[in-house]
């Protein structure tokens, strides 16, 4: 495993299930570090900004976001 792969495994950003995401934007508003945006009416997480706080997971009414 390369160094960058090891680093990525240690810090996993929130993941969005695009099938479940309705694009409501509640996660965007809940994110304290502005790591989530809507792209093509679906939530998209900026992996560099995500701190894995879980606020988006708690806010999503469709259980479309998880932290691996």
C-alpha atoms as a PDB file:
ATOM      1  CA  UNK A   1       0.000   0.000   0.000  1.00  0.00           C
ATOM      2  CA  UNK A   2       1.357   3.397  -0.965  1.00  0.00           C
ATOM      3  CA  UNK A   3       1.645   6.204   1.571  1.00  0.00           C
ATOM      4  CA  UNK A   4      -1.230   8.191   0.085  1.00  0.00           C
ATOM      5  CA  UNK A   5      -3.508   5.117   0.273  1.00  0.00           C
ATOM      6  CA  UNK A   6      -2.640   4.607   3.944  1.00  0.00           C
ATOM      7  CA  UNK A   7      -3.383   8.248   4.694  1.00  0.00           C
ATOM      8  CA  UNK A   8      -6.726   8.083   2.887  1.00  0.00           C
ATOM      9  CA  UNK A   9      -7.791   5.004   4.871  1.00  0.00           C
ATOM     10  CA  UNK A  10      -7.087   6.792   8.164  1.00  0.00           C
ATOM     11  CA  UNK A  11      -9.342   9.733   7.291  1.00  0.00           C
ATOM     12  CA  UNK A  12     -12.524   8.752   5.530  1.00  0.00           C
ATOM     13  CA  UNK A  13     -14.916  11.505   4.531  1.00  0.00           C
ATOM     14  CA  UNK A  14     -18.672  11.140   4.694  1.00  0.00           C
ATOM     15  CA  UNK A  15     -20.112   9.192   1.772  1.00  0.00           C
ATOM     16  CA  UNK A  16     -23.360   9.948  -0.048  1.00  0.00           C
ATOM     17  CA  UNK A  17     -25.640   7.250  -1.432  1.00  0.00           C
ATOM     18  CA  UNK A  18     -26.782   9.037  -4.587  1.00  0.00           C
ATOM     19  CA  UNK A  19     -29.757   6.687  -4.948  1.00  0.00           C
ATOM     20  CA  UNK A  20     -31.141   7.775  -1.568  1.00  0.00           C
ATOM     21  CA  UNK A  21     -30.177  11.461  -1.780  1.00  0.00           C
ATOM     22  CA  UNK A  22     -33.078  13.714  -2.769  1.00  0.00           C
ATOM     23  CA  UNK A  23     -31.023  16.915  -2.888  1.00  0.00           C
ATOM     24  CA  UNK A  24     -32.945  18.561  -0.040  1.00  0.00           C
ATOM     25  CA  UNK A  25     -29.836  20.435   1.134  1.00  0.00           C
ATOM     26  CA  UNK A  26     -30.273  19.832   4.860  1.00  0.00           C
ATOM     27  CA  UNK A  27     -26.796  18.327   5.042  1.00  0.00           C
ATOM     28  CA  UNK A  28     -25.338  21.376   3.301  1.00  0.00           C
ATOM     29  CA  UNK A  29     -26.831  23.640   5.972  1.00  0.00           C
ATOM     30  CA  UNK A  30     -25.746  21.301   8.795  1.00  0.00           C
ATOM     31  CA  UNK A  31     -22.088  21.050   7.802  1.00  0.00           C
ATOM     32  CA  UNK A  32     -19.995  23.359  10.021  1.00  0.00           C
ATOM     33  CA  UNK A  33     -17.002  23.328   7.667  1.00  0.00           C
ATOM     34  CA  UNK A  34     -18.900  23.797   4.381  1.00  0.00           C
ATOM     35  CA  UNK A  35     -17.673  20.451   3.054  1.00  0.00           C
ATOM     36  CA  UNK A  36     -20.970  19.565   1.364  1.00  0.00           C
ATOM     37  CA  UNK A  37     -22.481  21.119  -1.714  1.00  0.00           C
ATOM     38  CA  UNK A  38     -25.211  20.148  -4.144  1.00  0.00           C
ATOM     39  CA  UNK A  39     -24.041  19.005  -7.562  1.00  0.00           C
ATOM     40  CA  UNK A  40     -26.670  17.941 -10.099  1.00  0.00           C
ATOM     41  CA  UNK A  41     -29.248  18.006  -7.286  1.00  0.00           C
ATOM     42  CA  UNK A  42     -27.278  15.521  -5.156  1.00  0.00           C
ATOM     43  CA  UNK A  43     -25.083  16.063  -2.109  1.00  0.00           C
ATOM     44  CA  UNK A  44     -21.361  15.983  -2.776  1.00  0.00           C
ATOM     45  CA  UNK A  45     -18.734  15.859  -0.020  1.00  0.00           C
ATOM     46  CA  UNK A  46     -15.394  17.633  -0.369  1.00  0.00           C
ATOM     47  CA  UNK A  47     -13.098  14.991   1.105  1.00  0.00           C
ATOM     48  CA  UNK A  48     -10.404  17.551   1.863  1.00  0.00           C
ATOM     49  CA  UNK A  49     -12.730  19.635   4.038  1.00  0.00           C
ATOM     50  CA  UNK A  50     -14.787  16.909   5.742  1.00  0.00           C
ATOM     51  CA  UNK A  51     -13.913  16.458   9.424  1.00  0.00           C
ATOM     52  CA  UNK A  52     -16.176  13.425   9.933  1.00  0.00           C
ATOM     53  CA  UNK A  53     -18.205  15.207  12.608  1.00  0.00           C
ATOM     54  CA  UNK A  54     -21.397  13.368  11.607  1.00  0.00           C
ATOM     55  CA  UNK A  55     -23.760  16.328  11.616  1.00  0.00           C
ATOM     56  CA  UNK A  56     -24.777  15.610   8.029  1.00  0.00           C
ATOM     57  CA  UNK A  57     -25.538  11.993   8.937  1.00  0.00           C
ATOM     58  CA  UNK A  58     -27.789  13.096  11.792  1.00  0.00           C
ATOM     59  CA  UNK A  59     -29.571  15.676   9.629  1.00  0.00           C
ATOM     60  CA  UNK A  60     -30.289  13.551   6.549  1.00  0.00           C
ATOM     61  CA  UNK A  61     -33.941  12.413   6.578  1.00  0.00           C
ATOM     62  CA  UNK A  62     -33.223   9.733   3.955  1.00  0.00           C
ATOM     63  CA  UNK A  63     -30.196   8.087   5.611  1.00  0.00           C
ATOM     64  CA  UNK A  64     -28.266   8.843   2.446  1.00  0.00           C
ATOM     65  CA  UNK A  65     -25.029   9.835   4.204  1.00  0.00           C
ATOM     66  CA  UNK A  66     -22.711   7.685   6.257  1.00  0.00           C
ATOM     67  CA  UNK A  67     -19.238   7.878   7.698  1.00  0.00           C
ATOM     68  CA  UNK A  68     -17.345   4.679   6.856  1.00  0.00           C
END
